[in-house]
N, C-alpha and C. Protein backbone atom coordinates (compact mmCIF):
# COMPACT_ATOMS: atom_id res chain seq x y z
N UNK A 1 0.85 -1.19 0.00
CA UNK A 1 0.00 0.00 0.00
C UNK A 1 0.89 1.25 0.00
N UNK A 2 0.65 2.13 -0.94
CA UNK A 2 1.39 3.38 -1.02
C UNK A 2 0.60 4.48 -0.32
N UNK A 3 1.27 5.21 0.53
CA UNK A 3 0.65 6.35 1.21
C UNK A 3 1.23 7.61 0.59
N UNK A 4 0.40 8.34 -0.13
CA UNK A 4 0.87 9.56 -0.79
C UNK A 4 1.11 10.68 0.20
N UNK A 5 0.17 10.83 1.13
CA UNK A 5 0.26 11.90 2.11
C UNK A 5 -0.21 11.40 3.46
N UNK A 6 0.28 12.05 4.50
CA UNK A 6 -0.29 11.93 5.84
C UNK A 6 -0.84 13.30 6.18
N UNK A 7 -1.78 13.34 7.14
CA UNK A 7 -2.54 14.56 7.39
C UNK A 7 -2.54 14.94 8.86
N UNK A 8 -2.42 16.23 9.09
CA UNK A 8 -2.56 16.82 10.42
C UNK A 8 -3.79 17.70 10.39
N UNK A 9 -4.70 17.50 11.30
CA UNK A 9 -5.84 18.40 11.47
C UNK A 9 -5.45 19.41 12.53
N UNK A 10 -5.58 20.68 12.19
CA UNK A 10 -5.03 21.72 13.06
C UNK A 10 -5.95 22.93 13.11
N UNK A 11 -6.18 23.48 14.29
CA UNK A 11 -6.92 24.75 14.37
C UNK A 11 -6.18 25.83 13.57
N UNK A 12 -6.93 26.63 12.85
CA UNK A 12 -6.33 27.63 11.96
C UNK A 12 -5.43 28.61 12.73
N UNK A 13 -5.83 29.03 13.91
CA UNK A 13 -5.02 29.97 14.69
C UNK A 13 -3.67 29.38 15.07
N UNK A 14 -3.65 28.12 15.42
CA UNK A 14 -2.40 27.45 15.78
C UNK A 14 -1.50 27.32 14.55
N UNK A 15 -2.11 27.07 13.38
CA UNK A 15 -1.31 26.97 12.16
C UNK A 15 -0.75 28.33 11.75
N UNK A 16 -1.52 29.39 11.97
CA UNK A 16 -1.01 30.74 11.67
C UNK A 16 0.22 31.05 12.52
N UNK A 17 0.20 30.60 13.77
CA UNK A 17 1.39 30.79 14.62
C UNK A 17 2.59 30.03 14.05
N UNK A 18 2.34 28.82 13.53
CA UNK A 18 3.42 28.04 12.93
C UNK A 18 3.96 28.73 11.68
N UNK A 19 3.08 29.33 10.90
CA UNK A 19 3.53 30.03 9.69
C UNK A 19 4.45 31.20 10.04
N UNK A 20 4.14 31.88 11.11
CA UNK A 20 5.00 32.98 11.56
C UNK A 20 6.36 32.44 12.02
N UNK A 21 6.33 31.33 12.74
CA UNK A 21 7.55 30.73 13.27
C UNK A 21 8.35 29.97 12.21
N UNK A 22 7.67 29.55 11.13
CA UNK A 22 8.34 28.78 10.09
C UNK A 22 8.41 27.29 10.37
N UNK A 23 7.78 26.86 11.45
CA UNK A 23 7.79 25.45 11.84
C UNK A 23 6.61 25.19 12.77
N UNK A 24 6.14 23.96 12.74
CA UNK A 24 5.03 23.55 13.60
C UNK A 24 5.59 22.61 14.66
N UNK A 25 5.48 23.04 15.91
CA UNK A 25 6.02 22.22 17.01
C UNK A 25 4.97 21.29 17.60
N UNK A 26 3.70 21.51 17.24
CA UNK A 26 2.64 20.62 17.69
C UNK A 26 1.54 21.33 18.42
N UNK A 27 0.40 20.67 18.45
CA UNK A 27 -0.75 21.11 19.24
C UNK A 27 -0.50 20.68 20.69
N UNK A 28 -1.30 21.16 21.63
CA UNK A 28 -1.10 20.75 23.02
C UNK A 28 -1.04 19.23 23.23
N UNK A 29 -1.89 18.48 22.55
CA UNK A 29 -1.86 17.01 22.69
C UNK A 29 -0.56 16.43 22.16
N UNK A 30 -0.03 17.01 21.09
CA UNK A 30 1.25 16.56 20.54
C UNK A 30 2.38 16.80 21.52
N UNK A 31 2.40 17.99 22.08
CA UNK A 31 3.44 18.35 23.03
C UNK A 31 3.39 17.44 24.26
N UNK A 32 2.18 17.13 24.71
CA UNK A 32 2.01 16.25 25.87
C UNK A 32 2.48 14.83 25.57
N UNK A 33 2.24 14.36 24.34
CA UNK A 33 2.59 12.98 23.98
C UNK A 33 4.02 12.83 23.47
N UNK A 34 4.67 13.94 23.11
CA UNK A 34 6.05 13.88 22.67
C UNK A 34 6.24 13.63 21.19
N UNK A 35 5.19 13.74 20.41
CA UNK A 35 5.25 13.59 18.96
C UNK A 35 4.04 14.26 18.34
N UNK A 36 4.14 14.55 17.04
CA UNK A 36 3.03 15.16 16.32
C UNK A 36 2.18 14.05 15.72
N UNK A 37 0.91 14.07 16.08
CA UNK A 37 -0.06 13.08 15.59
C UNK A 37 -0.45 13.39 14.15
N UNK A 38 -0.41 12.40 13.30
CA UNK A 38 -0.90 12.49 11.93
C UNK A 38 -1.89 11.36 11.71
N UNK A 39 -2.60 11.43 10.59
CA UNK A 39 -3.50 10.36 10.16
C UNK A 39 -3.25 10.08 8.69
N UNK A 40 -3.53 8.85 8.28
CA UNK A 40 -3.54 8.55 6.85
C UNK A 40 -4.88 9.01 6.28
N UNK A 41 -5.01 8.97 4.97
CA UNK A 41 -6.28 9.34 4.34
C UNK A 41 -7.41 8.46 4.87
N UNK A 42 -7.15 7.18 5.06
CA UNK A 42 -8.16 6.26 5.55
C UNK A 42 -8.57 6.55 7.00
N UNK A 43 -7.72 7.22 7.76
CA UNK A 43 -7.97 7.49 9.17
C UNK A 43 -8.47 8.91 9.45
N UNK A 44 -8.30 9.82 8.51
CA UNK A 44 -8.52 11.25 8.77
C UNK A 44 -9.96 11.57 9.16
N UNK A 45 -10.93 10.97 8.50
CA UNK A 45 -12.34 11.28 8.82
C UNK A 45 -12.70 10.83 10.24
N UNK A 46 -12.23 9.66 10.62
CA UNK A 46 -12.49 9.19 11.98
C UNK A 46 -11.78 10.06 13.01
N UNK A 47 -10.55 10.46 12.70
CA UNK A 47 -9.82 11.36 13.60
C UNK A 47 -10.59 12.66 13.79
N UNK A 48 -11.10 13.22 12.70
CA UNK A 48 -11.88 14.46 12.80
C UNK A 48 -13.13 14.26 13.64
N UNK A 49 -13.84 13.17 13.40
CA UNK A 49 -15.08 12.91 14.13
C UNK A 49 -14.82 12.65 15.61
N UNK A 50 -13.75 11.96 15.90
CA UNK A 50 -13.46 11.57 17.28
C UNK A 50 -12.83 12.70 18.11
N UNK A 51 -11.90 13.43 17.49
CA UNK A 51 -11.12 14.40 18.27
C UNK A 51 -11.43 15.86 17.96
N UNK A 52 -12.20 16.13 16.89
CA UNK A 52 -12.49 17.50 16.49
C UNK A 52 -13.97 17.72 16.22
N UNK A 53 -14.83 16.87 16.77
CA UNK A 53 -16.27 16.94 16.53
C UNK A 53 -16.81 18.34 16.83
N UNK A 54 -17.54 18.89 15.87
CA UNK A 54 -18.18 20.19 16.05
C UNK A 54 -17.25 21.38 15.95
N UNK A 55 -15.95 21.16 15.78
CA UNK A 55 -15.00 22.27 15.73
C UNK A 55 -14.91 22.82 14.31
N UNK A 56 -15.05 24.11 14.22
CA UNK A 56 -14.92 24.80 12.94
C UNK A 56 -13.56 25.50 12.92
N UNK A 57 -13.23 26.15 11.83
CA UNK A 57 -11.98 26.88 11.68
C UNK A 57 -10.77 25.97 11.82
N UNK A 58 -10.88 24.79 11.18
CA UNK A 58 -9.78 23.83 11.15
C UNK A 58 -9.14 23.82 9.77
N UNK A 59 -7.90 23.37 9.74
CA UNK A 59 -7.18 23.19 8.48
C UNK A 59 -6.72 21.74 8.39
N UNK A 60 -6.60 21.27 7.16
CA UNK A 60 -6.04 19.96 6.89
C UNK A 60 -4.67 20.18 6.25
N UNK A 61 -3.64 19.66 6.89
CA UNK A 61 -2.26 19.85 6.46
C UNK A 61 -1.78 18.53 5.85
N UNK A 62 -1.34 18.57 4.60
CA UNK A 62 -0.87 17.36 3.91
C UNK A 62 0.66 17.37 3.82
N UNK A 63 1.25 16.22 4.15
CA UNK A 63 2.71 16.08 4.14
C UNK A 63 3.05 14.74 3.47
N UNK A 64 4.05 14.76 2.61
CA UNK A 64 4.55 13.54 1.98
C UNK A 64 5.38 12.80 3.04
N UNK A 65 4.96 11.61 3.45
CA UNK A 65 5.70 10.92 4.51
C UNK A 65 7.14 10.57 4.13
N UNK A 66 7.40 10.40 2.85
CA UNK A 66 8.75 10.04 2.40
C UNK A 66 9.76 11.15 2.71
N UNK A 67 9.27 12.37 2.89
CA UNK A 67 10.18 13.50 3.16
C UNK A 67 10.53 13.66 4.64
N UNK A 68 9.90 12.87 5.50
CA UNK A 68 10.10 13.07 6.94
C UNK A 68 11.21 12.23 7.54
N UNK A 69 11.68 11.24 6.82
CA UNK A 69 12.80 10.45 7.30
C UNK A 69 12.46 9.60 8.51
N UNK A 70 13.51 9.22 9.26
CA UNK A 70 13.33 8.28 10.37
C UNK A 70 12.58 8.86 11.57
N UNK A 71 12.34 10.16 11.59
CA UNK A 71 11.58 10.76 12.68
C UNK A 71 10.10 10.38 12.60
N UNK A 72 9.67 9.85 11.45
CA UNK A 72 8.28 9.41 11.28
C UNK A 72 8.19 7.92 11.58
N UNK A 73 7.29 7.58 12.49
CA UNK A 73 7.08 6.17 12.85
C UNK A 73 5.59 5.86 12.79
N UNK A 74 5.26 4.70 12.26
CA UNK A 74 3.87 4.23 12.28
C UNK A 74 3.74 3.33 13.50
N UNK A 75 2.90 3.76 14.44
CA UNK A 75 2.80 3.06 15.72
C UNK A 75 1.34 2.72 16.01
N UNK A 76 1.12 1.61 16.74
CA UNK A 76 -0.26 1.19 17.02
C UNK A 76 -0.95 2.12 18.00
N UNK A 77 -2.23 2.37 17.70
CA UNK A 77 -3.08 3.13 18.62
C UNK A 77 -3.67 2.15 19.63
N UNK A 78 -4.50 2.66 20.53
CA UNK A 78 -5.14 1.78 21.51
C UNK A 78 -5.95 0.68 20.81
N UNK A 79 -6.52 1.00 19.65
CA UNK A 79 -7.31 0.03 18.91
C UNK A 79 -6.48 -0.88 18.02
N UNK A 80 -5.17 -0.65 17.94
CA UNK A 80 -4.29 -1.50 17.16
C UNK A 80 -3.94 -0.98 15.78
N UNK A 81 -4.68 0.02 15.26
CA UNK A 81 -4.36 0.58 13.95
C UNK A 81 -3.05 1.35 14.03
N UNK A 82 -2.28 1.30 12.94
CA UNK A 82 -1.01 2.02 12.89
C UNK A 82 -1.23 3.46 12.46
N UNK A 83 -0.81 4.39 13.30
CA UNK A 83 -0.93 5.82 13.02
C UNK A 83 0.45 6.42 12.85
N UNK A 84 0.59 7.40 11.94
CA UNK A 84 1.88 8.07 11.76
C UNK A 84 2.13 9.09 12.87
N UNK A 85 3.30 9.01 13.47
CA UNK A 85 3.72 9.94 14.53
C UNK A 85 5.06 10.52 14.13
N UNK A 86 5.17 11.84 14.21
CA UNK A 86 6.42 12.52 13.88
C UNK A 86 7.12 12.93 15.16
N UNK A 87 8.29 12.37 15.39
CA UNK A 87 9.10 12.68 16.57
C UNK A 87 10.09 13.78 16.24
N UNK A 88 9.57 14.90 15.81
CA UNK A 88 10.38 16.05 15.44
C UNK A 88 9.40 17.20 15.21
N UNK A 89 9.93 18.38 15.01
CA UNK A 89 9.08 19.49 14.59
C UNK A 89 8.80 19.31 13.10
N UNK A 90 7.74 19.92 12.63
CA UNK A 90 7.41 19.88 11.21
C UNK A 90 7.85 21.19 10.58
N UNK A 91 8.90 21.10 9.79
CA UNK A 91 9.36 22.29 9.06
C UNK A 91 8.35 22.57 7.95
N UNK A 92 7.94 23.82 7.80
CA UNK A 92 6.86 24.15 6.88
C UNK A 92 7.20 23.92 5.42
N UNK A 93 8.49 23.88 5.07
CA UNK A 93 8.83 23.60 3.67
C UNK A 93 8.56 22.15 3.30
N UNK A 94 8.22 21.31 4.28
CA UNK A 94 7.86 19.92 4.02
C UNK A 94 6.36 19.73 3.77
N UNK A 95 5.59 20.79 3.94
CA UNK A 95 4.13 20.71 3.76
C UNK A 95 3.80 20.79 2.27
N UNK A 96 3.02 19.82 1.80
CA UNK A 96 2.62 19.79 0.38
C UNK A 96 1.49 20.77 0.11
N UNK A 97 0.49 20.79 0.99
CA UNK A 97 -0.62 21.73 0.83
C UNK A 97 -1.41 21.83 2.13
N UNK A 98 -2.17 22.92 2.20
CA UNK A 98 -3.05 23.20 3.34
C UNK A 98 -4.41 23.54 2.78
N UNK A 99 -5.46 22.96 3.35
CA UNK A 99 -6.83 23.23 2.88
C UNK A 99 -7.75 23.43 4.07
N UNK A 100 -8.79 24.24 3.91
CA UNK A 100 -9.77 24.39 4.97
C UNK A 100 -10.50 23.07 5.21
N UNK A 101 -10.93 22.86 6.42
CA UNK A 101 -11.69 21.67 6.79
C UNK A 101 -12.99 22.12 7.45
N UNK A 102 -13.92 22.63 6.63
CA UNK A 102 -15.15 23.20 7.19
C UNK A 102 -16.13 22.13 7.66
N UNK A 103 -17.06 22.57 8.49
CA UNK A 103 -18.16 21.71 8.92
C UNK A 103 -19.29 21.82 7.90
N UNK A 104 -19.90 20.68 7.58
CA UNK A 104 -21.07 20.67 6.73
C UNK A 104 -22.33 20.89 7.56
N UNK A 105 -23.45 21.02 6.89
CA UNK A 105 -24.73 21.23 7.57
C UNK A 105 -25.06 20.07 8.51
N UNK A 106 -24.53 18.88 8.21
CA UNK A 106 -24.77 17.70 9.04
C UNK A 106 -23.83 17.62 10.24
N UNK A 107 -22.94 18.61 10.39
CA UNK A 107 -22.01 18.63 11.50
C UNK A 107 -20.73 17.85 11.27
N UNK A 108 -20.60 17.23 10.10
CA UNK A 108 -19.38 16.49 9.77
C UNK A 108 -18.43 17.37 8.96
N UNK A 109 -17.16 17.13 9.11
CA UNK A 109 -16.17 17.90 8.36
C UNK A 109 -16.18 17.51 6.89
N UNK A 110 -15.97 18.49 6.03
CA UNK A 110 -15.94 18.30 4.58
C UNK A 110 -14.49 18.24 4.12
N UNK A 111 -14.07 17.05 3.75
CA UNK A 111 -12.69 16.82 3.33
C UNK A 111 -12.56 17.10 1.83
N UNK A 112 -11.37 17.48 1.39
CA UNK A 112 -11.13 17.67 -0.04
C UNK A 112 -11.38 16.36 -0.79
N UNK A 113 -11.83 16.48 -2.02
CA UNK A 113 -12.12 15.31 -2.87
C UNK A 113 -10.87 14.48 -3.13
N UNK A 114 -9.70 15.11 -3.19
CA UNK A 114 -8.48 14.43 -3.62
C UNK A 114 -7.71 13.79 -2.47
N UNK A 115 -8.36 13.47 -1.38
CA UNK A 115 -7.67 12.89 -0.22
C UNK A 115 -7.14 11.50 -0.58
N UNK A 116 -5.82 11.35 -0.60
CA UNK A 116 -5.21 10.05 -0.92
C UNK A 116 -4.12 9.71 0.08
């Protein structure tokens, strides 16, 4: 299985701070856990529903995992699924694209069509 991108769901204000700094050091949960949490395309919708339910003003950050080197590890979650974790800061020049992640009328986040 080829993974084209991994994804970080991030509040827009926190991402704006990263843009000013030139690097993303993580959200509070990332800092507490010691790594930056990412999701694969197959995991992103569940991550949004479970950890960002009802939250608006979010961004979806896409990163090519091949560019992250050995600091990226796929590790089992409590449910056993392997999730990508980055044990480093995310330098912004490694970001492929950023897109809004709005809430739909049904309360679910609207992901870009090209999520792979």
